[in-house]
Amino acid sequence: MLFLYVLLSINFDMNRNLIYIILSLAILLPASLSGQSVREGAESANMIISAVERYNERDIDGAKKILQQIIAEDSENDAAWYYMALCAIAGNDVEMAEQGFRMASELDPDNFWYRYRLARLYSMTSRPELTVDMYEKLLEDFPKKSDLYFDLVEMYAAQREYQKALDTLKEIETVFGMTESIAMYRFNLLRMLDKQEEAFKSLEEYNKEYSSPYVLSTLADYQMSMYNDSTALAYYDEALDLAPDYAPALLGKAETLRLTRKYEEYFDILDRYVSGMDSPAAAKSDYLMAVVQRTDPKFINSFRPQLDSVIDKAVGLHPKDSLMLQTAAVYYYSTDRKDLAKKHFKANVEAWPESFASAANYIEFLMYAEEWEDLSKEGRAAFDKFPQETAFLEMASVGDYNLEAYDKVLDICTKVLEVAPKDSSKTLRAWSTMGDIYHQLGDDKKAYKAYDKALKINPDYIYVLNNYAYYLSVEGKKLKKAYNMSKRTIEAEPDNATYLDTFGWILYLQGKPLEAKPFFKHAMLYGGKDSVVIMDHYAEVLYALKEYDLAMVYWNMALKKNAGDVPDLEERVELRKQSMKK
């Protein structure tokens, strides 16, 4: 798709010039109209004008119909073939585009644009064997078209024919003289040939005659990459002498100072960079976000006042820039200042009320910050703005669940089923959640009905299979059904401690503690020791096998961790101790 966009973006820029050429057809009568009467020629020219107007209005089908009529009556009309090719590009018909450009080029080989567009098409469709040859022939016929030389340089470089690219640059220099673009091309090509020293010297020689902030910053960047920090700083300073607010030099110098731990100077330059208006807000926010995400936490903690100052200044200069507000929010969240993070996430939503991304970032923050009341409220508000984005409702339900507002969770699940009845992933989650909530409310009949609905959508949904099986085991009902469902979960995820616990517990309830033991033993290796419930279950299995000492080890561990996870644990363990003495 990219090549079509590129071609179109070029072609539309040409239309204003081409229209004047086409308008002259009725008067000048080019070769394509030879043999026709003046009236026929004028009619053909008017039809092309009409097609061009349709094309410029993006009425591609309308333009094609007119052009097809022209070509049917006059197959040698080069302008018609050319615009037919443009229409083909708009419709992603590469084959037709190639035919149109080729026919136009063959009918009028002296027309630069016809041949150039065909060459561009070959280039963008990755046919270098055709492209290079065409460009070389174009240069023979149109030696003053500088863009052709640079296109050819890029194509040679893409094919890793770097020497040919360098030779072409020499031709450009001979014809047009030395320019900054030529110098930079040569610098980069020499580096691709791993001629680092030669590359540096070539650009340095250019800099002696034609110094510029861009070239100086490039030389500085090169020196920094070679760990010549003092030389790099000298070049950055030269660049800044020429242009005190030149953003690449400021940023490059800042990074050099940071990497060399000259932090006081670093923050001075960073302040200048953030304060400057040469660099867009997006570039500033990208850099500041990188500082927050990649830098050692010790650095952030040590220089928090300086970073606060920089972040606040950046936001002050760009108070409604979404990326900057988000950067500030992430920074304050990462430094455990949730109130300030919330302030900036909320400001982003207020500045961009129609932005889905701003709303999503804010709601996600509220969830991770465990601000359940705001999550419930703001999740619903976001859904009102974006009524097809049920994810906002689902996040709101997380807030409701943690507030123990179970009826509200059920209402949200029902709403999701109404809004997205054909979206299997959403309906699956809705029925699954409803099953969990109904169980929480003690209505197992409705819970199992909801789980059945979920499994009808996806019979292999492991989360539901596990919960369904476990709740059946707790009730001591339909253990065979529970066994079959649980078995599928450990086959899918054999190292999942939760699933291993469910399966092992079902075996225990079936009177098979010896068969259950290996699954609990395995669960202990994969997080089972973090769960009071799993350790309690394992201890019960060991107790049934009369491995009392080991059972007490796990019960003691469970008792230390128990915070209401297993309400009767202490009492039951005491009873087990008494029975062991008998």
Protein backbone atom coordinates (compact mmCIF):
# COMPACT_ATOMS: atom_id res chain seq x y z
CA MET A 1 0.00 0.00 0.00
CA LEU A 2 2.85 2.42 0.70
CA PHE A 3 4.04 2.73 -2.84
CA LEU A 4 0.59 3.73 -4.03
CA TYR A 5 0.39 6.46 -1.44
CA VAL A 6 3.82 7.77 -2.38
CA LEU A 7 2.98 7.88 -6.05
CA LEU A 8 -0.33 9.57 -5.46
CA SER A 9 1.23 12.12 -3.18
CA ILE A 10 3.58 13.05 -6.01
CA ASN A 11 0.99 13.00 -8.75
CA PHE A 12 -1.49 15.26 -7.05
CA ASP A 13 1.22 17.88 -6.76
CA MET A 14 1.61 17.75 -10.53
CA ASN A 15 -2.01 18.18 -11.46
CA ARG A 16 -1.98 21.96 -11.44
CA ASN A 17 0.84 22.02 -13.96
CA LEU A 18 -0.54 19.24 -16.09
CA ILE A 19 -3.92 20.84 -16.38
CA TYR A 20 -2.37 23.74 -18.33
CA ILE A 21 -0.65 21.35 -20.65
CA ILE A 22 -3.84 19.45 -21.25
CA LEU A 23 -5.81 22.66 -21.76
CA SER A 24 -3.49 23.51 -24.63
CA LEU A 25 -4.29 20.28 -26.46
CA ALA A 26 -7.27 21.74 -28.22
CA ILE A 27 -5.06 24.41 -29.73
CA LEU A 28 -1.70 22.74 -30.18
CA LEU A 29 -2.97 19.39 -31.47
CA PRO A 30 -0.18 17.03 -30.31
CA ALA A 31 0.79 13.87 -32.08
CA SER A 32 -1.83 11.84 -30.24
CA LEU A 33 -4.50 13.84 -32.13
CA SER A 34 -2.91 13.74 -35.54
CA GLY A 35 -5.24 12.34 -38.14
CA GLN A 36 -8.25 13.69 -36.26
CA SER A 37 -10.24 16.73 -37.17
CA VAL A 38 -9.85 19.86 -35.10
CA ARG A 39 -13.32 19.27 -33.69
CA GLU A 40 -12.49 15.67 -32.71
CA GLY A 41 -9.26 16.85 -31.11
CA ALA A 42 -11.04 19.50 -29.11
CA GLU A 43 -13.65 16.99 -27.94
CA SER A 44 -10.92 14.56 -26.87
CA ALA A 45 -9.09 17.32 -25.01
CA ASN A 46 -12.30 18.40 -23.26
CA MET A 47 -12.98 14.79 -22.22
CA ILE A 48 -9.49 14.56 -20.72
CA ILE A 49 -10.05 17.81 -18.85
CA SER A 50 -13.30 16.37 -17.49
CA ALA A 51 -11.50 13.16 -16.45
CA VAL A 52 -8.78 15.18 -14.70
CA GLU A 53 -11.41 17.16 -12.81
CA ARG A 54 -13.10 13.91 -11.68
CA TYR A 55 -9.74 12.51 -10.68
CA ASN A 56 -8.85 15.59 -8.62
CA GLU A 57 -12.25 15.34 -6.90
CA ARG A 58 -11.40 11.69 -6.04
CA ASP A 59 -14.17 10.41 -8.31
CA ILE A 60 -11.89 7.69 -9.62
CA ASP A 61 -14.63 5.54 -11.16
CA GLY A 62 -16.06 8.56 -13.00
CA ALA A 63 -12.60 9.48 -14.32
CA LYS A 64 -11.97 5.87 -15.46
CA LYS A 65 -15.20 5.71 -17.45
CA ILE A 66 -14.28 8.84 -19.40
CA LEU A 67 -10.71 7.67 -19.97
CA GLN A 68 -11.86 4.22 -21.12
CA GLN A 69 -14.12 5.91 -23.68
CA ILE A 70 -11.23 8.04 -24.95
CA ILE A 71 -8.91 5.02 -25.25
CA ALA A 72 -11.62 2.98 -27.01
CA GLU A 73 -11.90 5.73 -29.65
CA ASP A 74 -8.21 6.64 -29.71
CA SER A 75 -5.84 3.99 -28.35
CA GLU A 76 -2.84 6.26 -29.00
CA ASN A 77 -3.91 9.05 -26.66
CA ASP A 78 -0.93 9.22 -24.29
CA ALA A 79 -2.58 11.58 -21.80
CA ALA A 80 -5.55 9.21 -21.42
CA TRP A 81 -3.23 6.27 -20.74
CA TYR A 82 -1.30 8.31 -18.19
CA TYR A 83 -4.36 9.26 -16.21
CA MET A 84 -5.71 5.74 -16.52
CA ALA A 85 -2.51 4.66 -14.74
CA LEU A 86 -3.11 7.18 -11.96
CA CYS A 87 -6.65 5.88 -11.55
CA ALA A 88 -5.29 2.34 -11.39
CA ILE A 89 -2.91 3.37 -8.61
CA ALA A 90 -5.81 4.84 -6.67
CA GLY A 91 -7.54 1.46 -6.97
CA ASN A 92 -4.41 -0.58 -6.11
CA ASP A 93 -4.33 -2.11 -9.58
CA VAL A 94 -0.58 -2.31 -10.14
CA GLU A 95 -0.84 -4.26 -13.38
CA MET A 96 -3.11 -1.65 -14.98
CA ALA A 97 -0.91 1.16 -13.64
CA GLU A 98 2.13 -0.38 -15.27
CA GLN A 99 0.28 -0.81 -18.59
CA GLY A 100 -0.92 2.80 -18.52
CA PHE A 101 2.47 4.36 -17.73
CA ARG A 102 4.21 2.09 -20.26
CA MET A 103 1.75 2.93 -23.05
CA ALA A 104 2.01 6.66 -22.29
CA SER A 105 5.83 6.42 -22.33
CA GLU A 106 5.90 4.50 -25.62
CA LEU A 107 3.51 6.93 -27.28
CA ASP A 108 5.45 9.99 -26.08
CA PRO A 109 9.00 8.95 -25.13
CA ASP A 110 10.06 12.61 -24.84
CA ASN A 111 7.66 13.18 -21.94
CA PHE A 112 9.74 13.07 -18.78
CA TRP A 113 6.84 12.55 -16.38
CA TYR A 114 5.49 9.51 -18.20
CA ARG A 115 8.79 7.69 -18.01
CA TYR A 116 9.58 8.94 -14.50
CA ARG A 117 6.30 7.67 -13.09
CA LEU A 118 6.88 4.27 -14.69
CA ALA A 119 10.34 4.15 -13.13
CA ARG A 120 8.88 5.15 -9.74
CA LEU A 121 6.29 2.40 -10.05
CA TYR A 122 9.00 -0.19 -10.68
CA SER A 123 10.97 1.21 -7.76
CA MET A 124 8.09 1.01 -5.32
CA THR A 125 7.16 -2.50 -6.44
CA SER A 126 10.71 -3.71 -5.77
CA ARG A 127 11.85 -4.34 -9.33
CA PRO A 128 15.35 -2.83 -9.23
CA GLU A 129 16.48 -4.63 -12.38
CA LEU A 130 13.96 -2.54 -14.34
CA THR A 131 14.21 0.61 -12.25
CA VAL A 132 17.95 1.25 -12.42
CA ASP A 133 18.04 0.79 -16.19
CA MET A 134 15.15 3.20 -16.66
CA TYR A 135 16.73 5.84 -14.42
CA GLU A 136 20.03 5.57 -16.25
CA LYS A 137 18.25 6.12 -19.57
CA LEU A 138 16.26 9.02 -18.09
CA LEU A 139 19.51 10.66 -17.00
CA GLU A 140 20.91 10.33 -20.52
CA ASP A 141 17.87 12.13 -21.91
CA PHE A 142 17.30 14.56 -19.02
CA PRO A 143 20.76 15.24 -17.50
CA LYS A 144 19.64 18.35 -15.59
CA LYS A 145 17.00 16.59 -13.51
CA SER A 146 18.81 16.54 -10.15
CA ASP A 147 16.15 14.42 -8.45
CA LEU A 148 16.97 11.56 -10.81
CA TYR A 149 20.55 11.43 -9.57
CA PHE A 150 19.52 11.27 -5.94
CA ASP A 151 16.88 8.63 -6.69
CA LEU A 152 19.55 6.58 -8.41
CA VAL A 153 21.91 6.99 -5.43
CA GLU A 154 19.19 5.67 -3.12
CA MET A 155 18.49 2.70 -5.38
CA TYR A 156 22.17 1.76 -5.56
CA ALA A 157 22.38 2.06 -1.80
CA ALA A 158 19.28 -0.11 -1.35
CA GLN A 159 20.98 -2.78 -3.47
CA ARG A 160 24.19 -2.30 -1.42
CA GLU A 161 26.06 -1.12 -4.50
CA TYR A 162 27.65 1.63 -2.47
CA GLN A 163 30.52 2.36 -4.85
CA LYS A 164 28.10 2.98 -7.72
CA ALA A 165 26.17 5.30 -5.40
CA LEU A 166 29.38 7.21 -4.61
CA ASP A 167 30.25 7.45 -8.32
CA THR A 168 26.80 8.88 -9.00
CA LEU A 169 27.34 11.45 -6.26
CA LYS A 170 30.52 12.57 -8.07
CA GLU A 171 28.44 13.08 -11.21
CA ILE A 172 25.94 15.17 -9.23
CA GLU A 173 28.77 17.27 -7.81
CA THR A 174 30.23 17.79 -11.30
CA VAL A 175 26.90 18.94 -12.72
CA PHE A 176 25.45 20.89 -9.78
CA GLY A 177 28.38 21.64 -7.51
CA MET A 178 28.92 20.68 -3.87
CA THR A 179 25.87 20.85 -1.59
CA GLU A 180 25.07 19.84 1.96
CA SER A 181 22.89 16.99 0.67
CA ILE A 182 25.74 15.58 -1.41
CA ALA A 183 28.13 15.82 1.53
CA MET A 184 25.70 14.02 3.84
CA TYR A 185 24.99 11.31 1.26
CA ARG A 186 28.72 10.70 0.85
CA PHE A 187 29.24 10.61 4.62
CA ASN A 188 26.53 7.99 5.11
CA LEU A 189 27.60 5.88 2.12
CA LEU A 190 31.20 5.75 3.31
CA ARG A 191 29.99 4.64 6.72
CA MET A 192 27.96 1.88 5.04
CA LEU A 193 31.22 0.78 3.41
CA ASP A 194 32.71 0.73 6.92
CA LYS A 195 35.08 3.54 5.96
CA GLN A 196 34.47 5.45 9.17
CA GLU A 197 37.59 7.59 9.16
CA GLU A 198 37.20 8.51 5.49
CA ALA A 199 33.53 9.36 6.09
CA PHE A 200 34.43 11.68 8.95
CA LYS A 201 37.21 13.38 6.99
CA SER A 202 34.96 13.95 3.96
CA LEU A 203 32.33 15.69 6.07
CA GLU A 204 34.96 17.62 8.01
CA GLU A 205 36.40 18.91 4.73
CA TYR A 206 32.95 20.07 3.68
CA ASN A 207 32.46 21.72 7.07
CA LYS A 208 35.64 23.79 6.63
CA GLU A 209 34.12 25.46 3.58
CA TYR A 210 30.39 25.32 4.30
CA SER A 211 29.81 25.13 8.05
CA SER A 212 26.23 24.57 9.25
CA PRO A 213 24.54 23.49 12.52
CA TYR A 214 23.32 20.32 10.82
CA VAL A 215 26.75 19.23 9.61
CA LEU A 216 28.42 20.17 12.90
CA SER A 217 25.82 18.20 14.87
CA THR A 218 26.34 15.21 12.58
CA LEU A 219 30.10 15.37 13.17
CA ALA A 220 29.43 15.63 16.90
CA ASP A 221 27.07 12.64 16.83
CA TYR A 222 29.76 10.64 15.03
CA GLN A 223 32.39 11.57 17.60
CA MET A 224 30.04 10.67 20.43
CA SER A 225 29.42 7.27 18.84
CA MET A 226 33.20 6.79 18.81
CA TYR A 227 33.37 7.72 22.54
CA ASN A 228 35.32 10.90 21.79
CA ASP A 229 33.19 12.90 24.20
CA SER A 230 35.31 16.05 24.45
CA THR A 231 35.54 16.34 20.65
CA ALA A 232 31.80 15.76 20.37
CA LEU A 233 31.08 18.52 22.87
CA ALA A 234 33.34 20.91 20.93
CA TYR A 235 31.38 20.28 17.70
CA TYR A 236 28.04 20.68 19.52
CA ASP A 237 29.25 24.00 20.92
CA GLU A 238 30.23 25.17 17.41
CA ALA A 239 26.77 24.27 16.17
CA LEU A 240 25.16 26.15 19.05
CA ASP A 241 27.37 29.18 18.38
CA LEU A 242 25.81 29.33 14.91
CA ALA A 243 22.27 28.53 16.11
CA PRO A 244 21.79 28.76 19.91
CA ASP A 245 18.41 27.03 19.81
CA TYR A 246 19.29 24.26 17.33
CA ALA A 247 17.46 21.31 18.85
CA PRO A 248 19.62 18.38 17.57
CA ALA A 249 22.75 20.04 18.96
CA LEU A 250 21.13 20.81 22.30
CA LEU A 251 19.82 17.27 22.63
CA GLY A 252 23.09 15.71 21.49
CA LYS A 253 25.09 17.82 23.94
CA ALA A 254 22.65 16.98 26.73
CA GLU A 255 23.02 13.26 26.12
CA THR A 256 26.81 13.51 25.98
CA LEU A 257 26.82 15.33 29.31
CA ARG A 258 24.45 12.79 30.84
CA LEU A 259 26.52 9.84 29.70
CA THR A 260 29.67 11.47 31.08
CA ARG A 261 27.86 12.17 34.37
CA LYS A 262 28.18 15.93 34.15
CA TYR A 263 24.72 16.24 35.57
CA GLU A 264 24.67 19.91 36.51
CA GLU A 265 25.58 20.93 32.96
CA TYR A 266 23.21 18.24 31.62
CA PHE A 267 20.18 19.76 33.29
CA ASP A 268 21.17 23.26 32.16
CA ILE A 269 21.24 22.11 28.52
CA LEU A 270 18.12 19.99 28.96
CA ASP A 271 16.34 23.06 30.28
CA ARG A 272 17.43 24.99 27.17
CA TYR A 273 16.23 22.17 24.93
CA VAL A 274 12.83 21.97 26.60
CA SER A 275 12.48 25.75 26.62
CA GLY A 276 13.36 26.12 22.94
CA MET A 277 10.65 26.44 20.34
CA ASP A 278 12.66 24.92 17.46
CA SER A 279 11.81 21.40 18.55
CA PRO A 280 8.17 20.23 18.42
CA ALA A 281 6.42 19.09 21.57
CA ALA A 282 6.32 15.51 20.28
CA ALA A 283 10.13 15.36 20.06
CA LYS A 284 10.50 16.77 23.57
CA SER A 285 7.98 14.35 25.04
CA ASP A 286 9.63 11.41 23.26
CA TYR A 287 12.98 12.29 24.80
CA LEU A 288 11.59 12.91 28.27
CA MET A 289 9.63 9.66 28.12
CA ALA A 290 12.85 7.85 27.17
CA VAL A 291 14.62 9.41 30.16
CA VAL A 292 11.85 8.20 32.48
CA GLN A 293 11.68 4.68 31.05
CA ARG A 294 15.33 3.85 30.37
CA THR A 295 17.20 5.66 33.08
CA ASP A 296 18.41 4.00 36.27
CA PRO A 297 15.84 4.61 39.06
CA LYS A 298 18.73 5.83 41.24
CA PHE A 299 19.29 8.65 38.75
CA ILE A 300 15.62 9.65 38.84
CA ASN A 301 15.52 9.57 42.63
CA SER A 302 18.77 11.50 42.95
CA PHE A 303 17.70 14.25 40.58
CA ARG A 304 13.98 14.33 41.17
CA PRO A 305 13.81 18.11 41.80
CA GLN A 306 15.61 18.84 38.52
CA LEU A 307 13.42 16.40 36.58
CA ASP A 308 10.30 17.82 38.21
CA SER A 309 11.36 21.28 37.06
CA VAL A 310 12.00 20.11 33.47
CA ILE A 311 8.74 18.16 33.26
CA ASP A 312 6.70 21.02 34.70
CA LYS A 313 8.32 23.52 32.33
CA ALA A 314 7.62 21.26 29.32
CA VAL A 315 3.96 20.92 30.33
CA GLY A 316 3.74 24.67 30.96
CA LEU A 317 5.00 25.40 27.45
CA HIS A 318 2.74 22.76 25.87
CA PRO A 319 -0.26 22.60 28.24
CA LYS A 320 -2.59 20.93 25.77
CA ASP A 321 -0.17 18.61 24.02
CA SER A 322 -1.45 15.09 24.57
CA LEU A 323 1.95 13.37 24.41
CA MET A 324 3.49 15.84 26.84
CA LEU A 325 0.65 15.45 29.35
CA GLN A 326 0.94 11.67 29.08
CA THR A 327 4.71 11.84 29.57
CA ALA A 328 4.25 13.89 32.73
CA ALA A 329 1.60 11.48 33.98
CA VAL A 330 3.84 8.45 33.41
CA TYR A 331 6.75 10.22 35.10
CA TYR A 332 4.79 11.04 38.23
CA TYR A 333 3.28 7.54 38.34
CA SER A 334 6.73 5.96 38.07
CA THR A 335 7.94 8.12 40.96
CA ASP A 336 5.00 6.97 43.09
CA ARG A 337 3.11 10.28 43.03
CA LYS A 338 -0.26 9.03 41.96
CA ASP A 339 -2.05 12.30 42.72
CA LEU A 340 0.11 14.21 40.24
CA ALA A 341 -0.13 11.37 37.72
CA LYS A 342 -3.90 11.46 38.00
CA LYS A 343 -3.91 15.24 37.56
CA HIS A 344 -2.07 14.98 34.22
CA PHE A 345 -4.02 11.98 32.91
CA LYS A 346 -7.23 13.85 33.70
CA ALA A 347 -5.91 17.06 32.11
CA ASN A 348 -5.19 15.07 28.95
CA VAL A 349 -8.80 13.86 28.85
CA GLU A 350 -10.09 17.39 29.42
CA ALA A 351 -7.83 18.81 26.70
CA TRP A 352 -8.81 16.07 24.23
CA PRO A 353 -12.34 14.96 25.18
CA GLU A 354 -12.85 13.17 21.87
CA SER A 355 -9.59 11.22 22.04
CA PHE A 356 -10.01 7.51 22.63
CA ALA A 357 -6.32 7.15 23.58
CA SER A 358 -6.55 9.85 26.26
CA ALA A 359 -9.62 8.23 27.80
CA ALA A 360 -8.08 4.74 27.64
CA ASN A 361 -4.84 5.87 29.33
CA TYR A 362 -6.78 7.57 32.13
CA ILE A 363 -9.05 4.58 32.77
CA GLU A 364 -6.10 2.17 32.70
CA PHE A 365 -4.28 4.37 35.21
CA LEU A 366 -7.30 4.36 37.56
CA MET A 367 -7.36 0.57 37.42
CA TYR A 368 -3.67 0.15 38.23
CA ALA A 369 -3.89 2.83 40.91
CA GLU A 370 -6.81 0.90 42.43
CA GLU A 371 -9.02 3.97 42.55
CA TRP A 372 -12.16 1.88 42.36
CA GLU A 373 -14.80 4.59 42.77
CA ASP A 374 -13.31 6.78 40.05
CA LEU A 375 -12.72 3.73 37.86
CA SER A 376 -16.40 2.83 38.09
CA LYS A 377 -17.53 6.39 37.36
CA GLU A 378 -15.00 7.36 34.70
CA GLY A 379 -15.24 3.99 32.93
CA ARG A 380 -18.96 4.56 32.41
CA ALA A 381 -18.37 8.16 31.31
CA ALA A 382 -15.82 6.97 28.73
CA PHE A 383 -18.28 4.40 27.43
CA ASP A 384 -20.91 7.13 27.00
CA LYS A 385 -18.46 8.95 24.72
CA PHE A 386 -17.39 5.80 22.90
CA PRO A 387 -20.49 3.55 23.01
CA GLN A 388 -18.91 0.77 20.96
CA GLU A 389 -15.87 0.45 23.22
CA THR A 390 -17.20 -1.98 25.78
CA ALA A 391 -13.69 -2.30 27.26
CA PHE A 392 -14.48 0.85 29.23
CA LEU A 393 -17.51 -0.87 30.75
CA GLU A 394 -15.46 -3.95 31.54
CA MET A 395 -12.89 -1.79 33.34
CA ALA A 396 -15.70 -0.04 35.21
CA SER A 397 -16.89 -3.46 36.34
CA VAL A 398 -13.46 -4.09 37.90
CA GLY A 399 -14.09 -1.04 40.07
CA ASP A 400 -17.61 -2.24 40.90
CA TYR A 401 -16.32 -5.70 41.81
CA ASN A 402 -13.74 -4.32 44.22
CA LEU A 403 -16.44 -2.11 45.74
CA GLU A 404 -18.52 -5.29 46.11
CA ALA A 405 -21.22 -3.73 43.94
CA TYR A 406 -21.99 -7.09 42.36
CA ASP A 407 -25.36 -6.07 40.96
CA LYS A 408 -23.64 -3.30 38.98
CA VAL A 409 -21.17 -5.85 37.59
CA LEU A 410 -24.08 -8.00 36.40
CA ASP A 411 -25.71 -4.94 34.82
CA ILE A 412 -22.51 -4.20 32.90
CA CYS A 413 -22.25 -7.80 31.67
CA THR A 414 -25.85 -7.60 30.45
CA LYS A 415 -25.06 -4.31 28.68
CA VAL A 416 -22.04 -5.84 26.95
CA LEU A 417 -24.21 -8.70 25.69
CA GLU A 418 -26.67 -6.14 24.30
CA VAL A 419 -24.07 -3.91 22.66
CA ALA A 420 -21.81 -6.61 21.20
CA PRO A 421 -23.92 -9.77 20.77
CA LYS A 422 -21.81 -11.03 17.85
CA ASP A 423 -18.40 -10.33 19.35
CA SER A 424 -17.46 -13.74 20.74
CA SER A 425 -14.52 -12.49 22.83
CA LYS A 426 -16.67 -9.90 24.60
CA THR A 427 -19.67 -12.16 25.13
CA LEU A 428 -17.34 -14.90 26.38
CA ARG A 429 -15.90 -12.59 29.04
CA ALA A 430 -19.38 -11.34 29.95
CA TRP A 431 -20.84 -14.81 30.56
CA SER A 432 -17.69 -15.88 32.39
CA THR A 433 -17.85 -12.86 34.69
CA MET A 434 -21.56 -13.41 35.31
CA GLY A 435 -20.78 -16.98 36.34
CA ASP A 436 -18.19 -15.75 38.86
CA ILE A 437 -20.53 -13.09 40.27
CA TYR A 438 -23.51 -15.43 40.61
CA HIS A 439 -21.27 -17.85 42.49
CA GLN A 440 -20.11 -14.96 44.68
CA LEU A 441 -23.78 -14.22 45.42
CA GLY A 442 -24.44 -17.87 46.27
CA ASP A 443 -26.60 -18.60 43.23
CA ASP A 444 -24.73 -21.58 41.81
CA LYS A 445 -27.60 -22.53 39.51
CA LYS A 446 -27.31 -19.25 37.63
CA ALA A 447 -23.52 -19.43 37.85
CA TYR A 448 -23.39 -22.81 36.12
CA LYS A 449 -25.89 -21.66 33.51
CA ALA A 450 -23.66 -18.67 32.72
CA TYR A 451 -20.58 -20.91 32.53
CA ASP A 452 -22.43 -23.22 30.13
CA LYS A 453 -23.16 -20.19 27.93
CA ALA A 454 -19.48 -19.28 27.97
CA LEU A 455 -18.36 -22.80 27.09
CA LYS A 456 -20.86 -22.91 24.25
CA ILE A 457 -18.97 -19.96 22.74
CA ASN A 458 -15.55 -21.49 23.45
CA PRO A 459 -15.49 -25.07 24.81
CA ASP A 460 -11.76 -24.73 25.54
CA TYR A 461 -11.90 -21.55 27.60
CA ILE A 462 -9.57 -22.61 30.38
CA TYR A 463 -10.53 -19.94 32.90
CA VAL A 464 -14.18 -21.06 32.92
CA LEU A 465 -13.26 -24.75 32.83
CA ASN A 466 -11.16 -24.32 35.95
CA ASN A 467 -13.64 -22.22 37.92
CA TYR A 468 -16.58 -24.40 36.91
CA ALA A 469 -14.71 -27.54 37.94
CA TYR A 470 -13.53 -26.06 41.22
CA TYR A 471 -16.95 -24.81 42.29
CA LEU A 472 -18.45 -28.22 41.52
CA SER A 473 -15.73 -29.82 43.64
CA VAL A 474 -16.46 -27.45 46.54
CA GLU A 475 -20.08 -28.55 46.40
CA GLY A 476 -19.01 -32.17 46.02
CA LYS A 477 -21.30 -32.49 43.00
CA LYS A 478 -20.74 -33.94 39.55
CA LEU A 479 -17.12 -34.80 40.32
CA LYS A 480 -16.75 -36.75 37.10
CA LYS A 481 -17.77 -33.69 35.07
CA ALA A 482 -15.46 -31.55 37.20
CA TYR A 483 -12.62 -34.06 36.66
CA ASN A 484 -13.01 -33.97 32.85
CA MET A 485 -13.06 -30.17 32.75
CA SER A 486 -10.11 -29.79 35.11
CA LYS A 487 -8.05 -32.35 33.22
CA ARG A 488 -8.28 -30.19 30.08
CA THR A 489 -6.86 -27.20 31.97
CA ILE A 490 -3.71 -28.97 33.16
CA GLU A 491 -3.20 -30.47 29.70
CA ALA A 492 -3.25 -26.93 28.33
CA GLU A 493 -1.11 -25.40 31.12
CA PRO A 494 0.71 -28.16 33.02
CA ASP A 495 2.67 -25.71 35.20
CA ASN A 496 -0.25 -23.59 36.37
CA ALA A 497 -0.44 -23.97 40.16
CA THR A 498 -4.12 -22.96 40.32
CA TYR A 499 -5.17 -25.53 37.74
CA LEU A 500 -3.00 -28.21 39.36
CA ASP A 501 -4.67 -27.47 42.71
CA THR A 502 -8.17 -27.85 41.25
CA PHE A 503 -7.32 -31.14 39.56
CA GLY A 504 -5.51 -32.53 42.60
CA TRP A 505 -8.36 -31.53 44.91
CA ILE A 506 -10.93 -33.27 42.71
CA LEU A 507 -8.82 -36.45 42.84
CA TYR A 508 -8.71 -36.12 46.62
CA LEU A 509 -12.50 -35.74 46.81
CA GLN A 510 -12.80 -38.83 44.65
CA GLY A 511 -10.86 -40.72 47.33
CA LYS A 512 -7.57 -40.76 45.44
CA PRO A 513 -5.08 -38.86 47.67
CA LEU A 514 -2.12 -40.88 46.38
CA GLU A 515 -2.93 -39.88 42.79
CA ALA A 516 -3.50 -36.28 43.91
CA LYS A 517 -0.14 -35.88 45.67
CA PRO A 518 2.12 -35.51 42.54
CA PHE A 519 -0.05 -32.67 41.21
CA PHE A 520 0.22 -30.72 44.48
CA LYS A 521 3.93 -31.45 44.66
CA HIS A 522 4.27 -30.00 41.15
CA ALA A 523 2.15 -27.00 42.11
CA MET A 524 4.57 -26.20 44.96
CA LEU A 525 7.33 -25.69 42.39
CA TYR A 526 5.28 -23.18 40.38
CA GLY A 527 3.85 -20.73 42.89
CA GLY A 528 1.74 -22.99 45.10
CA LYS A 529 3.60 -21.82 48.22
CA ASP A 530 2.18 -18.33 47.65
CA SER A 531 -1.39 -19.57 48.09
CA VAL A 532 -2.90 -20.40 51.49
CA VAL A 533 -5.66 -22.43 49.82
CA ILE A 534 -3.27 -24.58 47.78
CA MET A 535 -0.99 -25.29 50.77
CA ASP A 536 -4.03 -26.18 52.88
CA HIS A 537 -5.28 -28.58 50.20
CA TYR A 538 -1.86 -30.20 49.93
CA ALA A 539 -1.66 -30.60 53.70
CA GLU A 540 -5.08 -32.33 53.71
CA VAL A 541 -3.85 -34.74 51.02
CA LEU A 542 -0.68 -35.46 53.05
CA TYR A 543 -2.78 -35.91 56.19
CA ALA A 544 -4.96 -38.47 54.38
CA LEU A 545 -1.76 -40.32 53.42
CA LYS A 546 -0.63 -40.16 57.10
CA GLU A 547 2.39 -38.05 56.22
CA TYR A 548 1.73 -35.96 59.29
CA ASP A 549 5.07 -34.19 59.66
CA LEU A 550 5.04 -32.88 56.10
CA ALA A 551 1.36 -31.99 56.39
CA MET A 552 2.15 -29.83 59.46
CA VAL A 553 4.96 -28.10 57.56
CA TYR A 554 2.50 -26.86 54.95
CA TRP A 555 -0.23 -26.07 57.48
CA ASN A 556 2.20 -23.99 59.52
CA MET A 557 3.21 -22.11 56.38
CA ALA A 558 -0.44 -21.58 55.50
CA LEU A 559 -1.26 -20.33 59.01
CA LYS A 560 1.48 -17.70 58.80
CA LYS A 561 0.12 -16.41 55.48
CA ASN A 562 -3.58 -16.76 56.21
CA ALA A 563 -5.43 -13.46 56.19
CA GLY A 564 -8.96 -14.74 55.96
CA ASP A 565 -8.33 -16.77 52.81
CA VAL A 566 -9.41 -19.92 54.67
CA PRO A 567 -11.65 -18.81 57.61
CA ASP A 568 -11.71 -22.14 59.48
CA LEU A 569 -8.04 -22.97 58.96
CA GLU A 570 -6.78 -22.50 62.52
CA GLU A 571 -9.62 -24.47 64.08
CA ARG A 572 -9.34 -27.32 61.57
CA VAL A 573 -5.55 -27.59 61.94
CA GLU A 574 -5.96 -27.86 65.70
CA LEU A 575 -8.42 -30.72 65.25
CA ARG A 576 -5.99 -32.47 62.89
CA LYS A 577 -3.22 -32.14 65.51
CA GLN A 578 -5.42 -33.80 68.13
CA SER A 579 -6.26 -36.68 65.81
CA MET A 580 -2.56 -37.23 65.05
CA LYS A 581 -1.90 -37.93 68.73
CA LYS A 582 -4.32 -40.80 68.85
